[in-house]
Amino acid sequence: MPESIRIRALVVDDEELARERVRDMLHADPEIEVIGECANGREAVEAIKKKTPDLVFLDIQMPGKNGLDLLNSLSRERMPAIIFVTAYDQYAVRAFEVNALDYLLKPFDQARFQKALERAKAQILNGHRSEIGERIMTALEQMKTKPEYRERLVVKTNGRVFFVKTSEIDWLEAEGNYVRLHSGKESYLLRETITSLESQLDPKVFMRVHRSAIVNINQIHELQPWFHGEYRVVLNGGIQLTLTRSYKDRLNDLLGKPV
């Protein structure tokens, strides 16, 4: 590549350590200029519009506007080349592969990173931006029309990534724009809203009992009539939650009869 031509890259991830890792891997490449970093989807939309990067390293799992929401807000014409970064989304990965899109599955090493980067460089230098945008939009449509419920959740904490099977989850509770996951004696904080997470869990197994709580119905030990048409939900471990009237119809559907 001529010395005067450099690929302008933007790094988008809600975790500072993850952004730092990508930035360090790009640092030694003279063909790349890192023009900015963003910690959430809202910042990234503004940065893409103002700075017009050629390449974006985009984390899928972010609180609020996630990576896929961000792309849905962009037009095909303004779509930069994207290297998706994900730790968990198996269905998204399949959609990316089918449409020949680059992705990095966390945790990734330098060799895998370099392979994705070289592919992205080739696409950018060959001037295939409109084609890239078309493939990204096609992948997003596939993910909308063919939902797949999650079999595991990824917990990212202190730079580490580990997995929790959804079958091992007892219940989940909202903490602002985050969700506290409870599994046995352990609890973990997920960078995701409870409404977003609810849509990714199998409704035959997980039930919203309150605007701030979702339970694994296999963990329900007892339902106790409470005040004003509400119920006390007692889990196997002794935890007690409230099933509010606005969510009672969901329980009726699962049981096949009114409670």
Protein backbone atom coordinates (compact mmCIF):
# COMPACT_ATOMS: atom_id res chain seq x y z
CA MET A 1 0.00 0.00 0.00
CA PRO A 2 1.38 3.46 -0.80
CA GLU A 3 2.69 5.23 2.29
CA SER A 4 0.19 8.09 1.91
CA ILE A 5 -2.81 5.75 2.02
CA ARG A 6 -3.81 4.44 5.44
CA ILE A 7 -6.94 2.60 6.52
CA ARG A 8 -8.84 4.57 9.16
CA ALA A 9 -10.04 2.24 11.93
CA LEU A 10 -12.52 2.74 14.78
CA VAL A 11 -12.64 0.41 17.82
CA VAL A 12 -16.04 -0.11 19.50
CA ASP A 13 -16.32 -2.16 22.71
CA ASP A 14 -17.83 -1.39 26.11
CA GLU A 15 -14.81 -2.89 27.91
CA GLU A 16 -11.69 -0.78 28.10
CA LEU A 17 -9.39 -3.82 28.27
CA ALA A 18 -10.94 -5.23 25.09
CA ARG A 19 -10.44 -1.92 23.25
CA GLU A 20 -6.86 -1.79 24.47
CA ARG A 21 -6.21 -5.32 23.18
CA VAL A 22 -7.45 -4.48 19.68
CA ARG A 23 -5.56 -1.19 19.68
CA ASP A 24 -2.32 -2.93 20.69
CA MET A 25 -2.72 -5.49 17.91
CA LEU A 26 -3.21 -2.68 15.38
CA HIS A 27 -0.35 -0.55 16.68
CA ALA A 28 2.40 -2.33 14.74
CA ASP A 29 0.56 -2.17 11.41
CA PRO A 30 1.76 0.87 9.38
CA GLU A 31 -1.26 0.58 7.07
CA ILE A 32 -3.74 1.25 9.89
CA GLU A 33 -4.56 4.53 11.61
CA VAL A 34 -6.76 4.21 14.71
CA ILE A 35 -8.96 7.31 14.60
CA GLY A 36 -10.95 6.68 17.74
CA GLU A 37 -12.53 4.41 20.34
CA CYS A 38 -16.15 4.15 21.50
CA ALA A 39 -17.57 2.50 24.62
CA ASN A 40 -21.17 2.15 23.42
CA GLY A 41 -23.40 2.11 20.36
CA ARG A 42 -24.58 5.69 20.71
CA GLU A 43 -21.02 7.04 20.68
CA ALA A 44 -20.17 4.76 17.75
CA VAL A 45 -23.04 6.00 15.55
CA GLU A 46 -21.86 9.58 16.02
CA ALA A 47 -18.22 8.67 15.41
CA ILE A 48 -19.02 6.75 12.22
CA LYS A 49 -21.06 9.64 10.85
CA LYS A 50 -18.47 12.31 11.73
CA LYS A 51 -15.19 10.48 11.15
CA THR A 52 -16.25 8.09 8.32
CA PRO A 53 -13.87 5.24 9.22
CA ASP A 54 -12.91 2.66 6.60
CA LEU A 55 -12.94 -0.18 9.14
CA VAL A 56 -14.76 -0.75 12.45
CA PHE A 57 -13.98 -3.41 15.06
CA LEU A 58 -17.45 -3.85 16.53
CA ASP A 59 -18.38 -5.67 19.73
CA ILE A 60 -21.86 -7.21 19.43
CA GLN A 61 -22.69 -7.39 23.14
CA MET A 62 -22.98 -3.88 24.59
CA PRO A 63 -25.54 -2.33 26.97
CA GLY A 64 -28.19 -0.09 25.42
CA LYS A 65 -27.64 0.06 21.65
CA ASN A 66 -25.71 -3.14 20.86
CA GLY A 67 -23.55 -3.73 17.79
CA LEU A 68 -26.38 -5.06 15.65
CA ASP A 69 -28.68 -2.17 16.63
CA LEU A 70 -25.91 0.22 15.64
CA LEU A 71 -25.59 -1.26 12.14
CA ASN A 72 -29.35 -1.17 11.63
CA SER A 73 -29.18 2.61 12.09
CA LEU A 74 -26.64 3.04 9.27
CA SER A 75 -27.35 3.14 5.54
CA ARG A 76 -25.69 0.76 3.10
CA GLU A 77 -23.90 3.70 1.49
CA ARG A 78 -22.29 4.78 4.77
CA MET A 79 -21.42 1.27 5.90
CA PRO A 80 -17.69 0.82 6.66
CA ALA A 81 -16.02 -2.57 6.54
CA ILE A 82 -16.82 -4.37 9.80
CA ILE A 83 -14.91 -6.94 11.81
CA PHE A 84 -17.44 -8.25 14.32
CA VAL A 85 -16.20 -9.15 17.79
CA THR A 86 -18.33 -11.61 19.76
CA ALA A 87 -18.04 -14.00 22.65
CA TYR A 88 -21.28 -15.90 22.43
CA ASP A 89 -23.65 -15.30 19.54
CA GLN A 90 -23.54 -18.59 17.65
CA TYR A 91 -26.37 -17.72 15.31
CA ALA A 92 -24.80 -14.37 14.45
CA VAL A 93 -21.52 -16.14 13.68
CA ARG A 94 -23.28 -18.49 11.24
CA ALA A 95 -24.94 -15.53 9.52
CA PHE A 96 -21.57 -13.80 9.22
CA GLU A 97 -19.95 -16.91 7.75
CA VAL A 98 -22.71 -17.44 5.18
CA ASN A 99 -22.32 -13.84 4.01
CA ALA A 100 -18.50 -13.91 4.02
CA LEU A 101 -18.18 -11.33 6.79
CA ASP A 102 -15.22 -11.14 9.12
CA TYR A 103 -15.59 -11.85 12.83
CA LEU A 104 -13.43 -12.52 15.86
CA LEU A 105 -14.69 -14.97 18.46
CA LYS A 106 -13.45 -14.01 21.93
CA PRO A 107 -10.94 -14.87 23.17
CA PHE A 108 -8.90 -14.57 19.95
CA ASP A 109 -5.16 -14.62 19.36
CA GLN A 110 -2.87 -12.51 17.19
CA ALA A 111 -2.93 -15.00 14.30
CA ARG A 112 -6.72 -15.05 14.07
CA PHE A 113 -6.83 -11.27 14.44
CA GLN A 114 -4.31 -10.81 11.64
CA LYS A 115 -6.25 -13.11 9.31
CA ALA A 116 -9.46 -11.09 9.77
CA LEU A 117 -7.56 -7.83 9.39
CA GLU A 118 -5.91 -8.87 6.10
CA ARG A 119 -9.28 -9.92 4.65
CA ALA A 120 -10.80 -6.59 5.63
CA LYS A 121 -7.89 -4.69 4.10
CA ALA A 122 -8.33 -6.52 0.81
CA GLN A 123 -12.04 -5.67 0.70
CA ILE A 124 -11.39 -2.01 1.41
CA LEU A 125 -8.55 -1.66 -1.12
CA ASN A 126 -10.62 -3.37 -3.82
CA GLY A 127 -13.34 -0.76 -3.35
CA HIS A 128 -16.11 -3.21 -2.46
CA ARG A 129 -17.79 -0.99 0.14
CA SER A 130 -21.30 -1.17 -1.32
CA GLU A 131 -20.96 -4.94 -1.56
CA ILE A 132 -19.86 -5.09 2.09
CA GLY A 133 -22.89 -3.05 3.14
CA GLU A 134 -25.20 -5.36 1.21
CA ARG A 135 -23.76 -8.46 2.85
CA ILE A 136 -24.02 -6.93 6.33
CA MET A 137 -27.66 -5.97 5.79
CA THR A 138 -28.45 -9.47 4.50
CA ALA A 139 -26.88 -11.01 7.61
CA LEU A 140 -28.89 -8.70 9.88
CA GLU A 141 -32.12 -9.66 8.12
CA GLN A 142 -31.31 -13.36 8.59
CA MET A 143 -30.77 -12.82 12.30
CA LYS A 144 -34.11 -11.00 12.58
CA THR A 145 -36.18 -13.62 10.77
CA LYS A 146 -34.58 -16.75 12.27
CA PRO A 147 -34.22 -16.27 16.02
CA GLU A 148 -32.32 -18.83 18.02
CA TYR A 149 -32.53 -19.04 21.77
CA ARG A 150 -29.33 -18.95 23.73
CA GLU A 151 -27.89 -22.12 25.26
CA ARG A 152 -25.21 -20.27 27.18
CA LEU A 153 -24.42 -16.75 28.34
CA VAL A 154 -21.02 -15.17 28.41
CA VAL A 155 -19.79 -13.35 31.48
CA LYS A 156 -17.04 -10.79 30.94
CA THR A 157 -15.32 -9.60 34.09
CA ASN A 158 -11.87 -8.19 34.86
CA GLY A 159 -10.65 -9.02 31.37
CA ARG A 160 -11.77 -12.66 31.63
CA VAL A 161 -14.46 -14.40 29.61
CA PHE A 162 -16.31 -17.50 30.83
CA PHE A 163 -19.59 -19.25 30.07
CA VAL A 164 -22.77 -20.14 31.98
CA LYS A 165 -25.26 -22.62 30.53
CA THR A 166 -28.77 -21.18 30.48
CA SER A 167 -30.06 -24.48 31.90
CA GLU A 168 -28.03 -23.72 35.04
CA ILE A 169 -29.59 -20.28 35.59
CA ASP A 170 -32.04 -20.02 38.50
CA TRP A 171 -33.24 -16.47 37.93
CA LEU A 172 -32.20 -13.06 36.65
CA GLU A 173 -32.84 -9.57 38.00
CA ALA A 174 -32.48 -6.13 36.43
CA GLU A 175 -29.92 -3.69 37.79
CA GLY A 176 -30.42 -0.57 35.66
CA ASN A 177 -29.08 -1.31 32.18
CA TYR A 178 -27.46 -4.48 33.50
CA VAL A 179 -28.72 -7.91 34.56
CA ARG A 180 -27.68 -9.92 37.61
CA LEU A 181 -27.60 -13.63 36.78
CA HIS A 182 -28.10 -16.11 39.65
CA SER A 183 -26.86 -19.69 39.31
CA GLY A 184 -26.69 -21.72 42.51
CA LYS A 185 -24.51 -19.82 44.97
CA GLU A 186 -22.92 -17.72 42.23
CA SER A 187 -24.10 -14.44 40.73
CA TYR A 188 -22.73 -12.51 37.76
CA LEU A 189 -23.37 -9.10 36.24
CA LEU A 190 -24.16 -9.01 32.50
CA ARG A 191 -23.84 -5.87 30.38
CA GLU A 192 -27.31 -6.21 28.87
CA THR A 193 -30.85 -5.02 29.62
CA ILE A 194 -33.37 -7.49 30.98
CA THR A 195 -35.73 -6.88 28.04
CA SER A 196 -32.99 -7.62 25.51
CA LEU A 197 -31.97 -10.76 27.38
CA GLU A 198 -35.57 -11.98 27.70
CA SER A 199 -35.90 -12.05 23.89
CA GLN A 200 -32.86 -14.33 23.66
CA LEU A 201 -34.05 -16.94 26.18
CA ASP A 202 -36.39 -19.83 25.43
CA PRO A 203 -39.89 -18.72 26.54
CA LYS A 204 -40.79 -22.34 27.29
CA VAL A 205 -38.16 -22.30 30.04
CA PHE A 206 -37.80 -18.68 31.16
CA MET A 207 -40.69 -16.54 32.36
CA ARG A 208 -40.82 -12.85 33.20
CA VAL A 209 -42.58 -12.61 36.56
CA HIS A 210 -41.93 -8.93 37.18
CA ARG A 211 -40.54 -6.01 35.20
CA SER A 212 -37.26 -6.62 37.05
CA ALA A 213 -37.13 -10.43 37.24
CA ILE A 214 -37.05 -13.53 35.01
CA VAL A 215 -37.15 -17.06 36.44
CA ASN A 216 -36.27 -20.50 35.14
CA ILE A 217 -39.62 -22.27 35.56
CA ASN A 218 -37.78 -25.51 36.37
CA GLN A 219 -36.58 -23.78 39.52
CA ILE A 220 -40.07 -22.84 40.77
CA HIS A 221 -40.92 -24.83 43.91
CA GLU A 222 -44.20 -23.21 44.87
CA LEU A 223 -46.67 -20.45 43.98
CA GLN A 224 -48.36 -18.78 46.94
CA PRO A 225 -51.42 -16.50 46.47
CA TRP A 226 -50.52 -12.96 47.53
CA PHE A 227 -52.27 -9.61 47.61
CA HIS A 228 -54.31 -8.03 44.79
CA GLY A 229 -54.11 -11.01 42.45
CA GLU A 230 -50.34 -11.32 42.69
CA TYR A 231 -48.40 -14.48 43.64
CA ARG A 232 -45.30 -15.19 45.66
CA VAL A 233 -42.89 -17.32 43.60
CA VAL A 234 -40.74 -19.57 45.79
CA LEU A 235 -37.69 -21.05 44.07
CA ASN A 236 -35.98 -24.32 44.98
CA GLY A 237 -33.18 -22.47 46.73
CA GLY A 238 -35.63 -20.55 48.93
CA ILE A 239 -35.52 -17.25 47.03
CA GLN A 240 -38.93 -15.52 46.96
CA LEU A 241 -40.04 -13.28 44.11
CA THR A 242 -43.33 -11.61 43.21
CA LEU A 243 -45.40 -12.57 40.17
CA THR A 244 -47.28 -9.38 39.32
CA ARG A 245 -50.72 -9.36 37.70
CA SER A 246 -49.39 -7.95 34.42
CA TYR A 247 -47.30 -11.11 33.90
CA LYS A 248 -49.81 -13.67 35.22
CA ASP A 249 -51.17 -14.48 31.73
CA ARG A 250 -47.72 -15.73 30.78
CA LEU A 251 -47.86 -18.25 33.62
CA ASN A 252 -51.35 -19.33 32.56
CA ASP A 253 -50.00 -20.02 29.06
CA LEU A 254 -47.19 -22.17 30.44
CA LEU A 255 -49.46 -24.16 32.75
CA GLY A 256 -52.26 -24.49 30.21
CA LYS A 257 -54.79 -23.31 32.80
CA PRO A 258 -55.43 -20.22 34.90
CA VAL A 259 -53.85 -19.91 38.35
